[in-house]
């Protein structure tokens, strides 16, 4: 684990929190909100894995 790895982890959680806050503004049902949150989590995870694969 590199010296600045924790910055990427904090950024990922911040981005997910921002997406969750935006979804909360739409006042969707709990089920739909959870589905959207999982979709966003999958997108950010895929992007993070892609970036890590390219940097190796």
PDB file of N, CA and C in Angstrom:
ATOM      1  N   UNK A   1       0.847  -1.172   0.000  1.00  0.00           N
ATOM      2  CA  UNK A   1       0.000   0.000   0.000  1.00  0.00           C
ATOM      3  C   UNK A   1       0.895   1.239   0.000  1.00  0.00           C
ATOM      4  N   UNK A   2       0.635   2.119  -0.952  1.00  0.00           N
ATOM      5  CA  UNK A   2       1.486   3.295  -1.071  1.00  0.00           C
ATOM      6  C   UNK A   2       1.135   4.331  -0.009  1.00  0.00           C
ATOM      7  N   UNK A   3       1.952   5.356   0.018  1.00  0.00           N
ATOM      8  CA  UNK A   3       1.815   6.399   1.023  1.00  0.00           C
ATOM      9  C   UNK A   3       0.499   7.171   0.890  1.00  0.00           C
ATOM     10  N   UNK A   4       0.017   7.344  -0.334  1.00  0.00           N
ATOM     11  CA  UNK A   4      -1.177   8.152  -0.574  1.00  0.00           C
ATOM     12  C   UNK A   4      -2.397   7.323  -0.967  1.00  0.00           C
ATOM     13  N   UNK A   5      -2.367   6.040  -0.706  1.00  0.00           N
ATOM     14  CA  UNK A   5      -3.490   5.157  -1.032  1.00  0.00           C
ATOM     15  C   UNK A   5      -4.763   5.558  -0.291  1.00  0.00           C
ATOM     16  N   UNK A   6      -4.626   6.028   0.927  1.00  0.00           N
ATOM     17  CA  UNK A   6      -5.794   6.398   1.733  1.00  0.00           C
ATOM     18  C   UNK A   6      -6.549   7.565   1.124  1.00  0.00           C
ATOM     19  N   UNK A   7      -5.873   8.421   0.357  1.00  0.00           N
ATOM     20  CA  UNK A   7      -6.555   9.540  -0.290  1.00  0.00           C
ATOM     21  C   UNK A   7      -7.559   9.019  -1.317  1.00  0.00           C
ATOM     22  N   UNK A   8      -7.209   7.984  -2.051  1.00  0.00           N
ATOM     23  CA  UNK A   8      -8.117   7.400  -3.032  1.00  0.00           C
ATOM     24  C   UNK A   8      -9.331   6.762  -2.351  1.00  0.00           C
ATOM     25  N   UNK A   9      -9.100   6.141  -1.216  1.00  0.00           N
ATOM     26  CA  UNK A   9     -10.203   5.520  -0.481  1.00  0.00           C
ATOM     27  C   UNK A   9     -11.168   6.597   0.028  1.00  0.00           C
ATOM     28  N   UNK A  10     -10.620   7.671   0.572  1.00  0.00           N
ATOM     29  CA  UNK A  10     -11.474   8.767   1.045  1.00  0.00           C
ATOM     30  C   UNK A  10     -12.235   9.384  -0.119  1.00  0.00           C
ATOM     31  N   UNK A  11     -11.577   9.561  -1.266  1.00  0.00           N
ATOM     32  CA  UNK A  11     -12.237  10.117  -2.445  1.00  0.00           C
ATOM     33  C   UNK A  11     -13.397   9.231  -2.882  1.00  0.00           C
ATOM     34  N   UNK A  12     -13.204   7.922  -2.888  1.00  0.00           N
ATOM     35  CA  UNK A  12     -14.255   6.997  -3.310  1.00  0.00           C
ATOM     36  C   UNK A  12     -15.463   7.083  -2.371  1.00  0.00           C
ATOM     37  N   UNK A  13     -15.221   7.120  -1.065  1.00  0.00           N
ATOM     38  CA  UNK A  13     -16.329   7.239  -0.123  1.00  0.00           C
ATOM     39  C   UNK A  13     -17.031   8.587  -0.266  1.00  0.00           C
ATOM     40  N   UNK A  14     -16.276   9.634  -0.506  1.00  0.00           N
ATOM     41  CA  UNK A  14     -16.876  10.951  -0.712  1.00  0.00           C
ATOM     42  C   UNK A  14     -17.739  10.998  -1.957  1.00  0.00           C
ATOM     43  N   UNK A  15     -17.268  10.378  -3.027  1.00  0.00           N
ATOM     44  CA  UNK A  15     -18.047  10.343  -4.266  1.00  0.00           C
ATOM     45  C   UNK A  15     -19.337   9.543  -4.068  1.00  0.00           C
ATOM     46  N   UNK A  16     -19.255   8.443  -3.355  1.00  0.00           N
ATOM     47  CA  UNK A  16     -20.458   7.661  -3.075  1.00  0.00           C
ATOM     48  C   UNK A  16     -21.425   8.423  -2.178  1.00  0.00           C
ATOM     49  N   UNK A  17     -20.900   9.164  -1.216  1.00  0.00           N
ATOM     50  CA  UNK A  17     -21.768   9.965  -0.351  1.00  0.00           C
ATOM     51  C   UNK A  17     -22.454  11.063  -1.155  1.00  0.00           C
ATOM     52  N   UNK A  18     -21.728  11.660  -2.094  1.00  0.00           N
ATOM     53  CA  UNK A  18     -22.317  12.688  -2.943  1.00  0.00           C
ATOM     54  C   UNK A  18     -23.429  12.107  -3.813  1.00  0.00           C
ATOM     55  N   UNK A  19     -23.181  10.951  -4.384  1.00  0.00           N
ATOM     56  CA  UNK A  19     -24.201  10.296  -5.206  1.00  0.00           C
ATOM     57  C   UNK A  19     -25.420   9.925  -4.358  1.00  0.00           C
ATOM     58  N   UNK A  20     -25.193   9.451  -3.149  1.00  0.00           N
ATOM     59  CA  UNK A  20     -26.307   9.099  -2.263  1.00  0.00           C
ATOM     60  C   UNK A  20     -27.113  10.342  -1.887  1.00  0.00           C
ATOM     61  N   UNK A  21     -26.435  11.442  -1.668  1.00  0.00           N
ATOM     62  CA  UNK A  21     -27.127  12.680  -1.355  1.00  0.00           C
ATOM     63  C   UNK A  21     -27.969  13.177  -2.519  1.00  0.00           C
ATOM     64  N   UNK A  22     -27.450  13.030  -3.721  1.00  0.00           N
ATOM     65  CA  UNK A  22     -28.215  13.414  -4.906  1.00  0.00           C
ATOM     66  C   UNK A  22     -29.443  12.528  -5.071  1.00  0.00           C
ATOM     67  N   UNK A  23     -29.281  11.243  -4.847  1.00  0.00           N
ATOM     68  CA  UNK A  23     -30.425  10.339  -4.949  1.00  0.00           C
ATOM     69  C   UNK A  23     -31.468  10.629  -3.871  1.00  0.00           C
ATOM     70  N   UNK A  24     -31.029  11.042  -2.695  1.00  0.00           N
ATOM     71  CA  UNK A  24     -31.974  11.357  -1.623  1.00  0.00           C
ATOM     72  C   UNK A  24     -32.820  12.569  -1.998  1.00  0.00           C
ATOM     73  N   UNK A  25     -32.276  13.456  -2.817  1.00  0.00           N
ATOM     74  CA  UNK A  25     -33.023  14.630  -3.250  1.00  0.00           C
ATOM     75  C   UNK A  25     -34.205  14.300  -4.138  1.00  0.00           C
ATOM     76  N   UNK A  26     -34.165  13.154  -4.788  1.00  0.00           N
ATOM     77  CA  UNK A  26     -35.272  12.735  -5.649  1.00  0.00           C
ATOM     78  C   UNK A  26     -36.429  12.130  -4.859  1.00  0.00           C
ATOM     79  N   UNK A  27     -36.221  11.841  -3.586  1.00  0.00           N
ATOM     80  CA  UNK A  27     -37.232  11.249  -2.706  1.00  0.00           C
ATOM     81  C   UNK A  27     -37.827   9.966  -3.307  1.00  0.00           C
ATOM     82  N   UNK A  28     -36.936   9.070  -3.677  1.00  0.00           N
ATOM     83  CA  UNK A  28     -37.359   7.788  -4.237  1.00  0.00           C
ATOM     84  C   UNK A  28     -37.709   6.816  -3.115  1.00  0.00           C
ATOM     85  N   UNK A  29     -38.298   5.703  -3.493  1.00  0.00           N
ATOM     86  CA  UNK A  29     -38.590   4.670  -2.505  1.00  0.00           C
ATOM     87  C   UNK A  29     -37.274   4.059  -2.023  1.00  0.00           C
ATOM     88  N   UNK A  30     -37.326   3.423  -0.863  1.00  0.00           N
ATOM     89  CA  UNK A  30     -36.106   2.823  -0.304  1.00  0.00           C
ATOM     90  C   UNK A  30     -35.530   1.771  -1.230  1.00  0.00           C
ATOM     91  N   UNK A  31     -36.392   0.949  -1.809  1.00  0.00           N
ATOM     92  CA  UNK A  31     -35.922  -0.120  -2.682  1.00  0.00           C
ATOM     93  C   UNK A  31     -35.186   0.449  -3.890  1.00  0.00           C
ATOM     94  N   UNK A  32     -35.772   1.431  -4.530  1.00  0.00           N
ATOM     95  CA  UNK A  32     -35.153   2.025  -5.712  1.00  0.00           C
ATOM     96  C   UNK A  32     -33.868   2.760  -5.336  1.00  0.00           C
ATOM     97  N   UNK A  33     -33.854   3.412  -4.180  1.00  0.00           N
ATOM     98  CA  UNK A  33     -32.650   4.121  -3.730  1.00  0.00           C
ATOM     99  C   UNK A  33     -31.498   3.156  -3.499  1.00  0.00           C
ATOM    100  N   UNK A  34     -31.799   2.011  -2.907  1.00  0.00           N
ATOM    101  CA  UNK A  34     -30.754   1.013  -2.658  1.00  0.00           C
ATOM    102  C   UNK A  34     -30.220   0.459  -3.979  1.00  0.00           C
ATOM    103  N   UNK A  35     -31.118   0.208  -4.929  1.00  0.00           N
ATOM    104  CA  UNK A  35     -30.686  -0.290  -6.244  1.00  0.00           C
ATOM    105  C   UNK A  35     -29.772   0.727  -6.916  1.00  0.00           C
ATOM    106  N   UNK A  36     -30.158   2.002  -6.891  1.00  0.00           N
ATOM    107  CA  UNK A  36     -29.323   3.042  -7.503  1.00  0.00           C
ATOM    108  C   UNK A  36     -27.987   3.188  -6.779  1.00  0.00           C
ATOM    109  N   UNK A  37     -28.010   3.107  -5.459  1.00  0.00           N
ATOM    110  CA  UNK A  37     -26.764   3.201  -4.699  1.00  0.00           C
ATOM    111  C   UNK A  37     -25.825   2.046  -5.035  1.00  0.00           C
ATOM    112  N   UNK A  38     -26.372   0.851  -5.190  1.00  0.00           N
ATOM    113  CA  UNK A  38     -25.540  -0.299  -5.570  1.00  0.00           C
ATOM    114  C   UNK A  38     -24.994  -0.148  -6.990  1.00  0.00           C
ATOM    115  N   UNK A  39     -25.795   0.438  -7.874  1.00  0.00           N
ATOM    116  CA  UNK A  39     -25.314   0.681  -9.241  1.00  0.00           C
ATOM    117  C   UNK A  39     -24.154   1.683  -9.230  1.00  0.00           C
ATOM    118  N   UNK A  40     -24.283   2.756  -8.451  1.00  0.00           N
ATOM    119  CA  UNK A  40     -23.201   3.730  -8.354  1.00  0.00           C
ATOM    120  C   UNK A  40     -21.954   3.092  -7.737  1.00  0.00           C
ATOM    121  N   UNK A  41     -22.142   2.280  -6.721  1.00  0.00           N
ATOM    122  CA  UNK A  41     -21.010   1.602  -6.094  1.00  0.00           C
ATOM    123  C   UNK A  41     -20.297   0.701  -7.103  1.00  0.00           C
ATOM    124  N   UNK A  42     -21.071   0.015  -7.932  1.00  0.00           N
ATOM    125  CA  UNK A  42     -20.473  -0.847  -8.954  1.00  0.00           C
ATOM    126  C   UNK A  42     -19.705  -0.025  -9.984  1.00  0.00           C
ATOM    127  N   UNK A  43     -20.249   1.121 -10.375  1.00  0.00           N
ATOM    128  CA  UNK A  43     -19.571   1.984 -11.346  1.00  0.00           C
ATOM    129  C   UNK A  43     -18.247   2.488 -10.779  1.00  0.00           C
ATOM    130  N   UNK A  44     -18.265   3.020  -9.557  1.00  0.00           N
ATOM    131  CA  UNK A  44     -17.036   3.536  -8.967  1.00  0.00           C
ATOM    132  C   UNK A  44     -16.025   2.423  -8.704  1.00  0.00           C
ATOM    133  N   UNK A  45     -16.494   1.252  -8.335  1.00  0.00           N
ATOM    134  CA  UNK A  45     -15.584   0.123  -8.140  1.00  0.00           C
ATOM    135  C   UNK A  45     -14.937  -0.280  -9.453  1.00  0.00           C
ATOM    136  N   UNK A  46     -15.721  -0.334 -10.522  1.00  0.00           N
ATOM    137  CA  UNK A  46     -15.176  -0.699 -11.836  1.00  0.00           C
ATOM    138  C   UNK A  46     -14.152   0.321 -12.301  1.00  0.00           C
ATOM    139  N   UNK A  47     -14.443   1.594 -12.120  1.00  0.00           N
ATOM    140  CA  UNK A  47     -13.494   2.640 -12.535  1.00  0.00           C
ATOM    141  C   UNK A  47     -12.213   2.549 -11.714  1.00  0.00           C
ATOM    142  N   UNK A  48     -12.342   2.346 -10.417  1.00  0.00           N
ATOM    143  CA  UNK A  48     -11.172   2.228  -9.554  1.00  0.00           C
ATOM    144  C   UNK A  48     -10.325   1.022  -9.939  1.00  0.00           C
ATOM    145  N   UNK A  49     -10.966  -0.106 -10.195  1.00  0.00           N
ATOM    146  CA  UNK A  49     -10.214  -1.301 -10.610  1.00  0.00           C
ATOM    147  C   UNK A  49      -9.539  -1.095 -11.948  1.00  0.00           C
ATOM    148  N   UNK A  50     -10.218  -0.415 -12.876  1.00  0.00           N
ATOM    149  CA  UNK A  50      -9.613  -0.130 -14.172  1.00  0.00           C
ATOM    150  C   UNK A  50      -8.382   0.755 -14.032  1.00  0.00           C
ATOM    151  N   UNK A  51      -8.501   1.800 -13.220  1.00  0.00           N
ATOM    152  CA  UNK A  51      -7.367   2.704 -13.022  1.00  0.00           C
ATOM    153  C   UNK A  51      -6.197   1.966 -12.372  1.00  0.00           C
ATOM    154  N   UNK A  52      -6.497   1.118 -11.399  1.00  0.00           N
ATOM    155  CA  UNK A  52      -5.431   0.341 -10.763  1.00  0.00           C
ATOM    156  C   UNK A  52      -4.798  -0.638 -11.733  1.00  0.00           C
ATOM    157  N   UNK A  53      -5.570  -1.215 -12.634  1.00  0.00           N
ATOM    158  CA  UNK A  53      -5.026  -2.156 -13.607  1.00  0.00           C
ATOM    159  C   UNK A  53      -4.143  -1.449 -14.623  1.00  0.00           C
ATOM    160  N   UNK A  54      -4.517  -0.239 -14.990  1.00  0.00           N
ATOM    161  CA  UNK A  54      -3.719   0.519 -15.970  1.00  0.00           C
ATOM    162  C   UNK A  54      -2.416   0.993 -15.348  1.00  0.00           C
ATOM    163  N   UNK A  55      -2.447   1.355 -14.066  1.00  0.00           N
ATOM    164  CA  UNK A  55      -1.240   1.864 -13.410  1.00  0.00           C
ATOM    165  C   UNK A  55      -0.222   0.786 -13.070  1.00  0.00           C
ATOM    166  N   UNK A  56      -0.605  -0.474 -13.158  1.00  0.00           N
ATOM    167  CA  UNK A  56       0.324  -1.566 -12.806  1.00  0.00           C
ATOM    168  C   UNK A  56       1.226  -1.866 -13.918  1.00  0.00           C
TER     169      UNK A  56
END
